[in-house]
């Protein structure tokens, strides 16, 4: 049974908050991890919060499952098969994720009205648009904040009233493009630096049948070619093994299933044999153990909004290798290496240095941890989020008093 917590008298926000994710409960991605972590952090802080999820079961008293046609469901597939493609995109149901968001948003409105929610915080872009539109039509009192983690275009962003950019670079990009609004903010994602911390990874290595003296390279990303570029990562590790066959190098790929996952697993096993482990839909509750079993973290994508996996890796004291993009360089700080990962051989070259020098790995990992704790710790970032909630809430109150 849903229980909305009674707000603590010391909690600095007077309204009701809803954090929502249509994929939470059935998809393992950064968006879902963000929603789960934010809902829990707000509840721990004493907020009056509801965490709405698209599937699964309510695992905490403040959680509520909001039924929807999930992206992989039979009903979503039937809709996609029957509706003309041009019409589907116009209606926001041009793919499975669109159908999931639309049906989730429709049922979410009932929750928002019943609980008299003041602030809705989401990363699902279509949910944000639909609830914002419902507010404009007088169908809900709720103001919506979109935490922009899905690389929506600047043309899309201009429609959003309350937008949380996840890195200062993204906010400045909107300024340069002339679409910035004074109701927008730049607030990063956060990570629980007590849960994600360095430690003994040997139990996990034993479970994965990886030798204790191996050099383990880890990535945590959706297992697909586009964007996450897992195919590039496989080729680079294979190249590194060809160049340095004596190195006891193992690759671990943990991430959600995508349409390309099965073929990438087959490709990885073909080029790396027993030196690769694919962990599809690995339980997030165990991710801290997995980071501790690694020596280096790699993200092969060329651009990211603000990946939570990179925060978890730096908090865990792992040196990180990323593309030379301002956001990822800002996140890693002095705790890793960046280069032009669009080039073949670039990642292998960066990894050779780290693989050959355990002292360098430890030094960079320590700096990564220090930088993460100082910049992206849960309490400091949550204070920024609450300040933004107050701004949005005060704006709503001022408008109401003027009517």
Protein backbone atom coordinates (compact mmCIF):
# COMPACT_ATOMS: atom_id res chain seq x y z
CA UNK A 1 0.00 0.00 0.00
CA UNK A 2 1.33 3.42 -0.95
CA UNK A 3 2.29 5.60 1.99
CA UNK A 4 3.34 9.16 1.25
CA UNK A 5 5.80 10.11 3.98
CA UNK A 6 4.88 12.93 6.32
CA UNK A 7 7.46 15.62 5.61
CA UNK A 8 10.00 16.31 8.31
CA UNK A 9 9.56 19.73 9.94
CA UNK A 10 13.21 20.31 9.09
CA UNK A 11 12.77 19.44 5.42
CA UNK A 12 13.33 22.58 3.33
CA UNK A 13 10.52 21.99 0.79
CA UNK A 14 6.84 22.17 1.78
CA UNK A 15 5.20 20.46 -1.19
CA UNK A 16 4.67 16.94 -2.50
CA UNK A 17 7.22 15.55 -4.94
CA UNK A 18 6.85 12.74 -7.45
CA UNK A 19 9.87 11.12 -9.07
CA UNK A 20 8.82 8.92 -11.98
CA UNK A 21 10.30 6.58 -14.56
CA UNK A 22 8.32 4.47 -17.01
CA UNK A 23 11.20 1.99 -17.29
CA UNK A 24 11.79 1.53 -13.57
CA UNK A 25 10.99 -2.04 -12.61
CA UNK A 26 11.76 -3.62 -15.98
CA UNK A 27 14.70 -1.78 -17.61
CA UNK A 28 18.25 -1.37 -16.32
CA UNK A 29 19.59 1.97 -17.55
CA UNK A 30 20.91 5.18 -16.09
CA UNK A 31 17.47 6.82 -16.20
CA UNK A 32 15.94 4.14 -14.01
CA UNK A 33 18.91 4.18 -11.61
CA UNK A 34 18.59 7.97 -11.35
CA UNK A 35 14.89 7.78 -10.46
CA UNK A 36 15.36 5.05 -7.89
CA UNK A 37 18.29 6.82 -6.22
CA UNK A 38 16.59 10.22 -6.17
CA UNK A 39 13.36 8.83 -4.74
CA UNK A 40 15.25 7.03 -1.99
CA UNK A 41 17.44 10.06 -1.23
CA UNK A 42 14.41 12.34 -0.89
CA UNK A 43 12.65 9.85 1.36
CA UNK A 44 15.76 9.49 3.51
CA UNK A 45 15.95 13.28 3.80
CA UNK A 46 12.34 13.45 5.05
CA UNK A 47 10.53 14.57 1.91
CA UNK A 48 6.89 13.97 1.07
CA UNK A 49 7.74 11.91 -2.01
CA UNK A 50 6.20 9.29 -4.30
CA UNK A 51 8.37 7.14 -6.57
CA UNK A 52 6.34 5.97 -9.57
CA UNK A 53 7.55 3.05 -11.68
CA UNK A 54 6.23 1.44 -14.83
CA UNK A 55 6.49 -2.21 -13.80
CA UNK A 56 7.63 -4.57 -11.08
CA UNK A 57 6.40 -4.27 -7.51
CA UNK A 58 6.45 -1.64 -4.80
CA UNK A 59 9.56 -2.36 -2.75
CA UNK A 60 9.28 0.64 -0.43
CA UNK A 61 6.28 2.28 1.20
CA UNK A 62 6.66 5.42 -0.93
CA UNK A 63 6.71 3.51 -4.25
CA UNK A 64 3.78 3.02 -6.59
CA UNK A 65 3.54 0.98 -9.78
CA UNK A 66 1.80 2.91 -12.55
CA UNK A 67 0.54 0.45 -15.19
CA UNK A 68 1.62 1.04 -18.77
CA UNK A 69 2.25 -0.79 -22.02
CA UNK A 70 5.94 -1.47 -21.59
CA UNK A 71 8.19 -1.13 -24.63
CA UNK A 72 8.74 -4.89 -25.05
CA UNK A 73 5.14 -5.92 -24.35
CA UNK A 74 2.99 -7.76 -26.87
CA UNK A 75 0.40 -4.99 -26.86
CA UNK A 76 3.04 -2.37 -27.70
CA UNK A 77 4.27 -4.52 -30.57
CA UNK A 78 0.74 -4.93 -31.91
CA UNK A 79 0.20 -1.17 -31.84
CA UNK A 80 3.45 -0.60 -33.72
CA UNK A 81 2.48 -3.18 -36.32
CA UNK A 82 -0.94 -1.66 -36.98
CA UNK A 83 -0.42 2.08 -36.83
CA UNK A 84 1.13 3.84 -39.87
CA UNK A 85 4.66 4.96 -39.04
CA UNK A 86 4.13 8.62 -39.98
CA UNK A 87 1.04 8.78 -37.76
CA UNK A 88 2.74 6.96 -34.89
CA UNK A 89 5.55 9.50 -34.70
CA UNK A 90 3.05 12.39 -34.83
CA UNK A 91 1.15 10.88 -31.91
CA UNK A 92 4.30 10.11 -29.92
CA UNK A 93 3.91 6.33 -30.31
CA UNK A 94 6.38 5.74 -33.13
CA UNK A 95 8.38 3.17 -31.16
CA UNK A 96 8.05 0.98 -28.10
CA UNK A 97 9.50 3.54 -25.73
CA UNK A 98 7.06 6.16 -27.01
CA UNK A 99 4.09 3.85 -26.38
CA UNK A 100 5.43 3.10 -22.91
CA UNK A 101 5.84 6.78 -22.01
CA UNK A 102 2.45 7.81 -23.39
CA UNK A 103 0.48 5.13 -21.54
CA UNK A 104 2.54 5.70 -18.39
CA UNK A 105 1.90 9.47 -18.48
CA UNK A 106 -1.85 8.97 -18.92
CA UNK A 107 -2.10 6.79 -15.81
CA UNK A 108 0.43 8.91 -13.92
CA UNK A 109 -1.90 11.91 -14.17
CA UNK A 110 -4.38 10.10 -11.92
CA UNK A 111 -1.68 9.68 -9.26
CA UNK A 112 -0.59 13.31 -9.56
CA UNK A 113 -4.12 14.62 -9.14
CA UNK A 114 -5.06 12.27 -6.31
CA UNK A 115 -1.91 13.02 -4.29
CA UNK A 116 -1.97 16.74 -5.17
CA UNK A 117 1.64 16.55 -6.33
CA UNK A 118 3.41 19.90 -6.67
CA UNK A 119 6.60 18.83 -8.45
CA UNK A 120 7.09 15.98 -10.92
CA UNK A 121 10.76 15.14 -11.65
CA UNK A 122 11.44 12.85 -14.62
CA UNK A 123 14.01 11.97 -17.24
CA UNK A 124 11.51 10.47 -19.69
CA UNK A 125 11.09 13.35 -22.18
CA UNK A 126 7.66 12.44 -23.52
CA UNK A 127 6.26 12.02 -20.02
CA UNK A 128 7.53 15.52 -19.22
CA UNK A 129 5.88 17.04 -22.29
CA UNK A 130 2.54 15.32 -21.71
CA UNK A 131 2.28 16.27 -18.03
CA UNK A 132 3.43 19.82 -18.77
CA UNK A 133 0.67 20.02 -21.39
CA UNK A 134 -1.88 18.67 -18.90
CA UNK A 135 -0.85 21.40 -16.46
CA UNK A 136 -1.31 24.07 -19.13
CA UNK A 137 -4.82 22.75 -19.82
CA UNK A 138 -5.70 22.83 -16.12
CA UNK A 139 -5.83 19.05 -15.82
CA UNK A 140 -3.11 18.88 -13.15
CA UNK A 141 -1.60 21.28 -10.65
CA UNK A 142 1.80 19.63 -11.01
CA UNK A 143 4.83 21.45 -12.41
CA UNK A 144 7.22 19.19 -14.31
CA UNK A 145 11.02 19.26 -14.22
CA UNK A 146 12.77 17.36 -16.98
CA UNK A 147 16.24 16.19 -16.00
CA UNK A 148 17.73 16.15 -19.49
CA UNK A 149 19.54 12.84 -19.79
CA UNK A 150 18.33 11.59 -23.17
CA UNK A 151 20.06 13.89 -25.69
CA UNK A 152 16.91 15.62 -26.90
CA UNK A 153 17.48 18.27 -29.56
CA UNK A 154 17.64 21.97 -28.81
CA UNK A 155 14.36 22.37 -30.71
CA UNK A 156 12.77 19.93 -28.27
CA UNK A 157 14.33 21.59 -25.23
CA UNK A 158 12.81 24.97 -26.05
CA UNK A 159 9.36 23.53 -25.27
CA UNK A 160 10.30 22.62 -21.69
CA UNK A 161 9.58 25.18 -18.98
CA UNK A 162 11.67 23.64 -16.20
CA UNK A 163 14.77 21.89 -17.46
CA UNK A 164 17.59 20.47 -15.37
CA UNK A 165 20.76 20.24 -17.43
CA UNK A 166 23.05 17.64 -15.94
CA UNK A 167 26.30 19.45 -16.67
CA UNK A 168 27.26 23.13 -17.03
CA UNK A 169 28.48 22.43 -20.58
CA UNK A 170 24.97 21.46 -21.67
CA UNK A 171 23.49 24.64 -20.17
CA UNK A 172 26.09 26.77 -21.93
CA UNK A 173 25.33 24.97 -25.19
CA UNK A 174 21.70 26.06 -24.87
CA UNK A 175 22.82 29.64 -24.16
CA UNK A 176 24.98 29.67 -27.27
CA UNK A 177 22.05 28.40 -29.31
CA UNK A 178 19.73 31.08 -27.92
CA UNK A 179 17.20 28.69 -26.38
CA UNK A 180 18.14 29.13 -22.70
CA UNK A 181 15.41 30.07 -20.21
CA UNK A 182 15.81 31.64 -16.76
CA UNK A 183 13.74 28.77 -15.32
CA UNK A 184 16.45 26.26 -16.30
CA UNK A 185 19.28 25.05 -14.07
CA UNK A 186 22.49 23.03 -14.25
CA UNK A 187 22.59 20.39 -11.50
CA UNK A 188 24.56 17.15 -11.82
CA UNK A 189 23.57 13.62 -11.01
CA UNK A 190 24.78 12.32 -7.67
CA UNK A 191 26.16 9.06 -6.34
CA UNK A 192 26.12 7.41 -2.93
CA UNK A 193 29.85 7.50 -2.19
CA UNK A 194 29.45 5.28 0.85
CA UNK A 195 27.85 2.46 -1.11
CA UNK A 196 30.12 2.89 -4.12
CA UNK A 197 33.58 2.83 -2.60
CA UNK A 198 36.84 0.90 -3.05
CA UNK A 199 37.01 -2.54 -1.48
CA UNK A 200 37.88 -6.18 -1.94
CA UNK A 201 36.67 -7.47 -5.30
CA UNK A 202 37.98 -11.01 -5.05
CA UNK A 203 34.57 -12.63 -4.27
CA UNK A 204 33.12 -11.24 -7.48
CA UNK A 205 36.18 -12.29 -9.47
CA UNK A 206 35.76 -15.78 -8.11
CA UNK A 207 32.10 -15.80 -9.08
CA UNK A 208 32.97 -14.70 -12.63
CA UNK A 209 35.86 -17.19 -12.83
CA UNK A 210 38.40 -14.43 -13.42
CA UNK A 211 41.89 -14.98 -11.96
CA UNK A 212 42.88 -12.93 -8.92
CA UNK A 213 45.92 -11.51 -10.77
CA UNK A 214 43.96 -10.50 -13.90
CA UNK A 215 43.71 -6.90 -15.12
CA UNK A 216 39.98 -6.36 -15.41
CA UNK A 217 38.57 -3.69 -17.72
CA UNK A 218 34.92 -2.94 -16.98
CA UNK A 219 32.24 -1.07 -18.87
CA UNK A 220 28.67 -0.54 -17.71
CA UNK A 221 26.41 0.51 -20.56
CA UNK A 222 23.55 -0.67 -22.72
CA UNK A 223 25.03 -3.46 -24.83
CA UNK A 224 24.63 -1.92 -28.28
CA UNK A 225 26.62 -0.45 -31.15
CA UNK A 226 25.02 2.95 -31.51
CA UNK A 227 26.02 5.50 -28.88
CA UNK A 228 27.59 3.06 -26.39
CA UNK A 229 29.87 1.65 -29.12
CA UNK A 230 30.39 -1.74 -27.51
CA UNK A 231 31.58 -3.07 -30.87
CA UNK A 232 34.42 -0.52 -30.84
CA UNK A 233 35.32 -1.56 -27.30
CA UNK A 234 35.52 -5.22 -28.31
CA UNK A 235 37.82 -4.40 -31.24
CA UNK A 236 40.09 -2.25 -29.07
CA UNK A 237 40.47 -4.93 -26.41
CA UNK A 238 41.21 -7.49 -29.13
CA UNK A 239 43.82 -5.12 -30.59
CA UNK A 240 45.41 -4.63 -27.18
CA UNK A 241 45.59 -8.38 -26.62
CA UNK A 242 47.22 -8.82 -30.04
CA UNK A 243 49.80 -6.16 -29.19
CA UNK A 244 50.47 -7.41 -25.65
CA UNK A 245 49.50 -11.09 -25.56
CA UNK A 246 51.32 -11.57 -22.25
CA UNK A 247 48.98 -9.21 -20.39
CA UNK A 248 46.39 -11.07 -18.26
CA UNK A 249 43.61 -8.82 -19.57
CA UNK A 250 39.90 -9.56 -19.08
CA UNK A 251 36.91 -7.49 -20.23
CA UNK A 252 33.58 -7.34 -18.38
CA UNK A 253 30.56 -5.79 -20.12
CA UNK A 254 27.57 -5.15 -17.86
CA UNK A 255 24.42 -3.59 -19.23
CA UNK A 256 20.85 -3.79 -20.36
CA UNK A 257 19.65 -5.94 -23.25
CA UNK A 258 19.12 -4.24 -26.62
CA UNK A 259 18.17 -5.56 -30.04
CA UNK A 260 21.89 -5.82 -30.93
CA UNK A 261 22.99 -7.46 -27.68
CA UNK A 262 22.94 -11.08 -28.78
CA UNK A 263 25.04 -10.44 -31.89
CA UNK A 264 27.52 -8.37 -29.86
CA UNK A 265 27.88 -11.19 -27.34
CA UNK A 266 28.61 -13.60 -30.20
CA UNK A 267 31.11 -11.13 -31.66
CA UNK A 268 32.84 -10.66 -28.32
CA UNK A 269 33.16 -14.37 -27.72
CA UNK A 270 34.54 -14.82 -31.23
CA UNK A 271 37.31 -12.21 -30.87
CA UNK A 272 38.06 -12.51 -27.14
CA UNK A 273 37.09 -16.06 -26.27
CA UNK A 274 37.16 -16.73 -22.54
CA UNK A 275 38.62 -13.28 -21.82
CA UNK A 276 35.23 -11.53 -21.93
CA UNK A 277 32.24 -11.71 -19.59
CA UNK A 278 28.85 -10.31 -20.62
CA UNK A 279 26.53 -9.58 -17.70
CA UNK A 280 23.14 -8.81 -19.24
CA UNK A 281 20.69 -7.11 -16.88
CA UNK A 282 23.11 -7.54 -14.00
CA UNK A 283 21.28 -6.62 -10.75
CA UNK A 284 21.94 -3.02 -9.83
CA UNK A 285 21.98 -3.98 -6.16
CA UNK A 286 25.26 -5.80 -6.90
CA UNK A 287 26.94 -3.18 -9.07
CA UNK A 288 29.09 -1.90 -6.20
CA UNK A 289 30.60 -5.39 -5.90
CA UNK A 290 31.30 -5.44 -9.63
CA UNK A 291 33.16 -2.12 -9.62
CA UNK A 292 35.37 -3.39 -6.80
CA UNK A 293 36.35 -6.37 -8.95
CA UNK A 294 37.68 -4.11 -11.74
CA UNK A 295 40.99 -2.33 -12.29
CA UNK A 296 39.95 0.15 -15.00
CA UNK A 297 36.62 1.55 -16.16
CA UNK A 298 36.00 2.41 -19.81
CA UNK A 299 33.19 4.25 -21.56
CA UNK A 300 33.46 4.05 -25.35
CA UNK A 301 30.66 6.51 -26.18
CA UNK A 302 31.71 9.77 -27.82
CA UNK A 303 29.16 11.99 -26.03
CA UNK A 304 27.12 11.60 -22.85
CA UNK A 305 24.70 13.80 -20.91
CA UNK A 306 25.99 12.61 -17.52
CA UNK A 307 26.26 8.84 -17.16
CA UNK A 308 25.64 7.50 -13.67
CA UNK A 309 27.93 4.55 -14.38
CA UNK A 310 30.86 6.94 -14.67
CA UNK A 311 30.01 8.44 -11.27
CA UNK A 312 29.77 4.99 -9.74
CA UNK A 313 33.14 4.03 -11.23
CA UNK A 314 34.94 7.15 -9.98
CA UNK A 315 33.35 6.79 -6.54
CA UNK A 316 34.63 3.21 -6.50
CA UNK A 317 38.17 4.44 -7.04
CA UNK A 318 38.61 3.24 -10.62
CA UNK A 319 40.77 5.11 -13.13
CA UNK A 320 38.55 5.90 -16.10
CA UNK A 321 39.23 6.09 -19.83
CA UNK A 322 36.74 8.25 -21.75
CA UNK A 323 36.40 10.23 -24.94
CA UNK A 324 37.74 13.77 -24.88
CA UNK A 325 34.32 15.37 -24.49
CA UNK A 326 33.98 18.26 -21.99
CA UNK A 327 31.26 16.57 -19.92
CA UNK A 328 33.10 13.30 -19.41
CA UNK A 329 36.40 15.07 -18.78
CA UNK A 330 34.64 17.21 -16.14
CA UNK A 331 33.19 14.10 -14.50
CA UNK A 332 36.47 12.17 -14.39
CA UNK A 333 38.56 15.18 -13.37
CA UNK A 334 42.14 14.17 -12.55
CA UNK A 335 41.13 10.52 -12.21
CA UNK A 336 41.70 9.11 -15.65
CA UNK A 337 42.65 9.52 -19.28
CA UNK A 338 40.74 10.97 -22.21
CA UNK A 339 41.44 10.86 -25.91
CA UNK A 340 39.83 10.85 -29.32
CA UNK A 341 37.99 7.55 -29.10
CA UNK A 342 36.59 8.02 -32.59
CA UNK A 343 40.00 6.80 -33.82
CA UNK A 344 40.81 3.13 -34.14
CA UNK A 345 43.57 2.21 -31.69
CA UNK A 346 43.05 5.22 -29.42
CA UNK A 347 41.40 3.28 -26.60
CA UNK A 348 43.91 0.44 -26.84
CA UNK A 349 46.75 2.95 -26.59
CA UNK A 350 45.30 4.55 -23.45
CA UNK A 351 44.69 1.18 -21.84
CA UNK A 352 48.24 -0.06 -22.44
CA UNK A 353 49.63 2.64 -20.17
CA UNK A 354 47.24 1.75 -17.37
CA UNK A 355 47.56 -2.00 -17.83
CA UNK A 356 51.34 -1.87 -17.54
CA UNK A 357 51.50 0.41 -14.50
CA UNK A 358 49.60 -0.67 -11.35
CA UNK A 359 51.00 2.31 -9.41
CA UNK A 360 49.49 4.70 -11.98
CA UNK A 361 46.15 2.89 -11.74
CA UNK A 362 46.08 3.28 -7.97
CA UNK A 363 47.10 6.95 -8.13
CA UNK A 364 44.50 7.87 -10.72
CA UNK A 365 41.85 5.82 -8.94
CA UNK A 366 42.49 7.69 -5.71
CA UNK A 367 42.17 11.04 -7.51
CA UNK A 368 38.97 9.87 -9.21
CA UNK A 369 37.47 9.00 -5.83
CA UNK A 370 38.46 12.32 -4.24
CA UNK A 371 37.05 14.31 -7.17
CA UNK A 372 33.77 12.39 -7.13
CA UNK A 373 33.22 12.75 -3.39
CA UNK A 374 33.90 16.48 -3.54
CA UNK A 375 31.81 17.22 -6.65
CA UNK A 376 29.05 14.63 -6.89
CA UNK A 377 28.34 13.38 -3.37
CA UNK A 378 24.68 12.72 -2.64
CA UNK A 379 24.02 15.31 0.07
CA UNK A 380 25.68 18.25 -1.70
CA UNK A 381 23.84 17.62 -4.98
CA UNK A 382 20.53 16.92 -3.23
CA UNK A 383 20.78 20.37 -1.64
CA UNK A 384 21.01 21.87 -5.15
CA UNK A 385 17.98 19.87 -6.31
CA UNK A 386 15.95 21.05 -3.32
CA UNK A 387 16.90 24.65 -4.04
CA UNK A 388 15.56 24.16 -7.57
CA UNK A 389 12.33 22.63 -6.25
CA UNK A 390 11.85 25.72 -4.09
CA UNK A 391 12.37 27.99 -7.10
CA UNK A 392 9.79 26.09 -9.13
CA UNK A 393 7.36 25.91 -6.21
CA UNK A 394 7.67 29.63 -5.47
CA UNK A 395 7.04 30.44 -9.12
CA UNK A 396 3.84 28.35 -8.95
CA UNK A 397 2.75 30.05 -5.72
CA UNK A 398 3.37 33.51 -7.16
CA UNK A 399 1.31 32.73 -10.26
CA UNK A 400 -1.53 31.35 -8.13
CA UNK A 401 -1.59 34.40 -5.84
CA UNK A 402 -1.76 36.72 -8.86
CA UNK A 403 -4.94 35.05 -10.20
